[in-house]
N, C-alpha and C. Protein backbone atom coordinates (compact mmCIF):
# COMPACT_ATOMS: atom_id res chain seq x y z
N MET A 1 -10.62 0.30 -22.19
CA MET A 1 -11.28 -0.50 -21.60
C MET A 1 -10.33 -2.35 -22.08
N VAL A 2 -9.63 -1.91 -23.07
CA VAL A 2 -9.19 -2.79 -23.49
C VAL A 2 -8.25 -3.68 -22.35
N TYR A 3 -6.98 -2.61 -22.12
CA TYR A 3 -6.81 -2.92 -21.19
C TYR A 3 -6.94 -3.40 -19.53
N TYR A 4 -8.86 -3.76 -19.43
CA TYR A 4 -9.32 -3.63 -18.05
C TYR A 4 -9.84 -5.37 -18.64
N GLU A 5 -10.02 -5.90 -20.11
CA GLU A 5 -10.74 -6.69 -20.31
C GLU A 5 -10.99 -8.10 -19.04
N ASN A 6 -10.28 -8.50 -19.07
CA ASN A 6 -9.35 -8.99 -18.24
C ASN A 6 -8.75 -9.43 -16.68
N LEU A 7 -8.78 -7.64 -15.51
CA LEU A 7 -7.71 -7.79 -14.78
C LEU A 7 -8.90 -6.89 -14.19
N ALA A 8 -8.30 -7.35 -12.89
CA ALA A 8 -9.37 -5.92 -11.86
C ALA A 8 -7.62 -5.38 -11.01
N GLU A 9 -8.42 -3.89 -10.79
CA GLU A 9 -6.60 -4.09 -9.57
C GLU A 9 -8.10 -3.01 -8.70
N MET A 10 -6.41 -3.58 -7.34
CA MET A 10 -7.09 -3.47 -5.80
C MET A 10 -6.22 -2.06 -5.36
N TYR A 11 -6.33 -1.32 -4.79
CA TYR A 11 -5.42 -0.17 -3.89
C TYR A 11 -5.58 -0.26 -2.35
N VAL A 12 -4.25 0.25 -2.19
CA VAL A 12 -4.12 0.16 -0.81
C VAL A 12 -3.94 1.59 -0.10
N GLY A 13 -4.07 1.98 1.13
CA GLY A 13 -3.30 3.22 1.42
C GLY A 13 -3.99 4.44 1.85
N ASP A 14 -4.14 4.81 2.26
CA ASP A 14 -4.61 6.01 3.12
C ASP A 14 -5.04 6.69 2.11
N ASP A 15 -4.06 7.24 0.78
CA ASP A 15 -5.00 8.22 0.16
C ASP A 15 -6.44 7.60 -0.95
N VAL A 16 -7.06 6.29 -0.64
CA VAL A 16 -8.10 6.17 -1.28
C VAL A 16 -8.93 5.11 0.25
N SER A 17 -8.36 4.36 0.85
CA SER A 17 -9.72 4.53 1.96
C SER A 17 -7.96 3.62 3.72
N PRO A 18 -8.78 4.65 4.26
CA PRO A 18 -7.74 4.32 5.36
C PRO A 18 -8.50 3.06 6.29
N ASP A 19 -9.83 2.83 6.02
CA ASP A 19 -10.18 0.90 6.56
C ASP A 19 -10.11 0.19 5.59
N PHE A 20 -10.17 0.80 4.19
CA PHE A 20 -10.85 -0.33 3.06
C PHE A 20 -9.76 -0.51 1.78
N TYR A 21 -10.38 -0.79 0.39
CA TYR A 21 -8.96 0.11 -0.11
C TYR A 21 -10.38 0.50 -1.58
N GLY A 22 -9.40 0.86 -2.74
CA GLY A 22 -10.26 0.95 -4.01
C GLY A 22 -9.58 0.07 -4.56
N TRP A 23 -10.91 0.42 -6.07
CA TRP A 23 -10.29 -0.63 -6.68
C TRP A 23 -11.14 0.27 -8.29
N VAL A 24 -10.71 -1.15 -8.85
CA VAL A 24 -10.47 0.01 -10.76
C VAL A 24 -11.05 -1.79 -11.35
N PHE A 25 -12.97 -2.60 -11.60
CA PHE A 25 -13.57 -3.39 -11.28
C PHE A 25 -14.00 -3.46 -12.88
N PRO A 26 -13.21 -4.22 -14.86
CA PRO A 26 -14.27 -4.00 -15.33
C PRO A 26 -15.88 -4.43 -15.26
N LYS A 27 -16.61 -3.62 -16.64
CA LYS A 27 -17.90 -4.27 -16.03
C LYS A 27 -18.07 -4.56 -17.85
N CYS A 28 -19.37 -4.68 -18.21
CA CYS A 28 -18.94 -4.83 -19.87
C CYS A 28 -19.25 -4.13 -20.66
N ASP A 29 -19.14 -2.88 -20.72
CA ASP A 29 -19.02 -1.84 -21.56
C ASP A 29 -17.72 -0.53 -21.07
N HIS A 30 -17.76 -0.78 -19.84
CA HIS A 30 -17.39 0.21 -19.04
C HIS A 30 -16.67 -0.47 -17.76
N VAL A 31 -15.89 0.52 -17.06
CA VAL A 31 -15.25 0.25 -15.91
C VAL A 31 -15.50 0.93 -14.38
N ALA A 32 -15.68 0.63 -13.39
CA ALA A 32 -16.13 0.79 -12.12
C ALA A 32 -15.10 1.25 -11.51
N ALA A 33 -14.28 2.70 -10.73
CA ALA A 33 -13.10 2.56 -9.88
C ALA A 33 -14.55 2.79 -8.33
N GLY A 34 -14.07 3.03 -7.33
CA GLY A 34 -14.66 3.52 -6.23
C GLY A 34 -13.12 2.75 -5.53
N THR A 35 -14.35 3.28 -4.03
CA THR A 35 -13.81 2.85 -2.73
C THR A 35 -14.69 2.12 -2.20
N GLY A 36 -14.26 2.31 -0.89
CA GLY A 36 -14.61 2.04 0.56
C GLY A 36 -14.41 2.22 1.20
N THR A 37 -15.55 2.79 2.85
CA THR A 37 -15.38 3.46 4.17
C THR A 37 -15.75 2.69 4.47
N VAL A 38 -15.91 2.59 6.25
CA VAL A 38 -16.63 2.71 7.09
C VAL A 38 -17.02 4.03 7.96
N THR A 39 -15.53 4.12 8.59
CA THR A 39 -15.44 5.46 8.95
C THR A 39 -15.30 6.74 8.67
N HIS A 40 -15.36 6.92 7.06
CA HIS A 40 -14.72 8.01 6.91
C HIS A 40 -15.57 8.68 5.37
N LYS A 41 -16.47 8.58 5.77
CA LYS A 41 -17.98 9.02 5.08
C LYS A 41 -17.70 10.87 4.21
N GLU A 42 -17.56 11.56 5.58
CA GLU A 42 -17.35 13.38 5.05
C GLU A 42 -16.18 12.76 3.65
N ASP A 43 -14.90 11.74 3.81
CA ASP A 43 -14.24 12.19 3.25
C ASP A 43 -13.93 11.46 1.64
N ILE A 44 -15.32 10.75 1.33
CA ILE A 44 -16.14 10.07 0.67
C ILE A 44 -14.85 10.38 -1.39
N LYS A 45 -15.54 12.23 -1.24
CA LYS A 45 -15.08 11.86 -2.86
C LYS A 45 -13.23 12.80 -3.03
N LYS A 46 -12.63 12.40 -2.28
CA LYS A 46 -11.09 12.89 -1.75
C LYS A 46 -10.72 10.94 -1.91
N PHE A 47 -11.10 9.81 -1.51
CA PHE A 47 -10.45 9.15 -1.82
C PHE A 47 -10.86 8.46 -3.20
N GLN A 48 -12.27 9.34 -4.08
CA GLN A 48 -12.80 8.42 -4.86
C GLN A 48 -11.88 9.54 -6.63
N LEU A 49 -11.85 10.67 -5.78
CA LEU A 49 -10.53 11.19 -6.56
C LEU A 49 -9.60 10.24 -6.40
N ALA A 50 -8.59 9.79 -5.47
CA ALA A 50 -7.48 9.81 -5.25
C ALA A 50 -7.33 8.05 -5.88
N THR A 51 -8.56 7.48 -6.15
CA THR A 51 -8.27 5.88 -6.86
C THR A 51 -8.07 6.25 -8.43
N ARG A 52 -8.94 7.40 -9.38
CA ARG A 52 -8.47 8.01 -10.69
C ARG A 52 -8.03 8.20 -10.54
N ASN A 53 -6.99 8.85 -9.61
CA ASN A 53 -5.28 9.44 -10.35
C ASN A 53 -4.52 8.31 -10.54
N ARG A 54 -4.91 7.07 -8.91
CA ARG A 54 -4.17 6.20 -9.60
C ARG A 54 -3.85 5.36 -10.55
N ALA A 55 -5.20 5.01 -11.03
CA ALA A 55 -5.65 4.24 -12.55
C ALA A 55 -5.28 5.17 -14.00
N LYS A 56 -5.26 6.81 -13.74
CA LYS A 56 -5.59 8.07 -14.13
C LYS A 56 -4.95 7.08 -15.36
N ASP A 57 -2.56 6.54 -15.82
CA ASP A 57 -2.73 6.13 -16.72
C ASP A 57 -3.69 5.26 -17.84
N LYS A 58 -3.95 4.76 -16.79
CA LYS A 58 -5.24 3.87 -17.56
C LYS A 58 -5.69 3.67 -18.76
N ILE A 59 -6.81 4.81 -17.82
CA ILE A 59 -8.40 5.19 -17.48
C ILE A 59 -8.30 6.94 -18.41
N LEU A 60 -6.91 6.94 -19.18
CA LEU A 60 -7.08 8.19 -19.97
C LEU A 60 -8.32 8.19 -20.79
N GLY A 61 -8.75 9.27 -20.72
CA GLY A 61 -9.91 9.48 -22.38
C GLY A 61 -11.53 8.88 -21.69
N GLY A 62 -11.09 8.47 -20.47
CA GLY A 62 -12.29 8.21 -20.39
C GLY A 62 -13.22 9.50 -19.66
N LYS A 63 -14.29 9.11 -19.41
CA LYS A 63 -15.84 10.04 -18.99
C LYS A 63 -15.97 9.20 -17.71
N ILE A 64 -16.26 9.97 -16.31
CA ILE A 64 -17.50 9.41 -15.66
C ILE A 64 -18.56 9.60 -16.09
N LEU A 65 -19.35 9.04 -15.92
CA LEU A 65 -20.74 8.40 -16.41
C LEU A 65 -21.84 8.18 -15.45
N ARG A 66 -21.09 8.18 -13.87
CA ARG A 66 -21.62 8.48 -12.79
C ARG A 66 -21.10 8.26 -11.53
N VAL A 67 -21.67 9.17 -10.59
CA VAL A 67 -20.80 9.31 -9.39
C VAL A 67 -22.48 8.38 -8.70
N GLU A 68 -21.71 7.89 -7.76
CA GLU A 68 -23.04 7.30 -6.80
C GLU A 68 -22.05 6.06 -5.46
N ALA A 69 -23.34 6.17 -4.20
CA ALA A 69 -21.98 5.43 -3.51
C ALA A 69 -22.79 4.50 -2.31
N HIS A 70 -22.63 4.47 -2.70
CA HIS A 70 -23.57 2.71 -1.64
C HIS A 70 -22.96 1.97 -0.47
N LEU A 71 -23.54 2.07 0.84
CA LEU A 71 -23.81 1.41 2.17
C LEU A 71 -22.16 0.12 1.70
N ILE A 72 -21.13 -0.59 2.56
CA ILE A 72 -20.90 -1.93 2.85
C ILE A 72 -21.36 -2.69 4.25
N PRO A 73 -21.98 -4.10 3.00
CA PRO A 73 -22.47 -3.48 4.11
C PRO A 73 -21.79 -5.31 5.09
N GLU A 74 -22.07 -4.56 6.41
CA GLU A 74 -20.95 -5.14 7.50
C GLU A 74 -21.19 -7.48 8.02
N HIS A 75 -22.12 -7.24 7.76
CA HIS A 75 -22.55 -8.44 8.18
C HIS A 75 -22.54 -9.53 6.42
N PRO A 76 -22.88 -10.61 6.48
CA PRO A 76 -23.15 -11.73 5.61
C PRO A 76 -25.22 -11.17 4.69
N ARG A 77 -25.18 -11.24 3.43
CA ARG A 77 -26.36 -10.42 3.10
C ARG A 77 -26.71 -12.13 3.27
N PRO A 78 -28.56 -12.26 3.81
CA PRO A 78 -28.72 -13.05 3.72
C PRO A 78 -28.73 -14.74 2.65
N ARG A 79 -28.81 -15.98 2.46
CA ARG A 79 -28.92 -16.07 0.78
C ARG A 79 -30.15 -16.64 0.84
N ARG A 80 -31.41 -16.80 -0.24
CA ARG A 80 -31.95 -17.40 -0.75
C ARG A 80 -32.27 -18.56 -1.49
N LEU A 81 -32.08 -19.54 -0.29
CA LEU A 81 -32.55 -20.82 -0.77
C LEU A 81 -34.15 -21.07 -1.36
N ALA A 82 -34.68 -22.20 -2.76
CA ALA A 82 -36.37 -22.48 -2.61
C ALA A 82 -36.81 -21.48 -1.89
N GLY A 83 -37.20 -20.12 -1.54
CA GLY A 83 -38.40 -19.89 -1.44
C GLY A 83 -38.14 -19.42 0.44
N ARG A 84 -36.65 -19.73 0.35
CA ARG A 84 -36.35 -19.76 1.88
C ARG A 84 -34.73 -18.52 2.22
N VAL A 85 -35.09 -18.21 3.19
CA VAL A 85 -33.18 -17.42 3.39
C VAL A 85 -32.64 -18.09 4.39
N ALA A 86 -31.66 -18.33 4.38
CA ALA A 86 -30.52 -18.92 4.99
C ALA A 86 -29.48 -17.53 5.23
N CYS A 87 -28.57 -17.89 6.77
CA CYS A 87 -27.79 -16.65 6.84
C CYS A 87 -26.85 -17.80 6.83
N ILE A 88 -25.62 -17.24 5.56
CA ILE A 88 -24.14 -18.22 5.55
C ILE A 88 -22.92 -17.63 6.12
């Protein structure tokens, strides 16, 4: 965690995602390592492993707390302003 206290990493390449990127983002007491794709959902586990392999020297000794997947929004989310919804 010390390495990532003030750092985030992004990885590009077909091994981590052919159409997006992989990342390691610091959280309060752990790091989130992930990958994104919009067209290759069946390969997401392969891309997740590749992202962890890219960061393996820096996350050595860490353990996986949770594996989850979420949709990547393709459009901006509506922004709420004083009880109203505004799209930006």
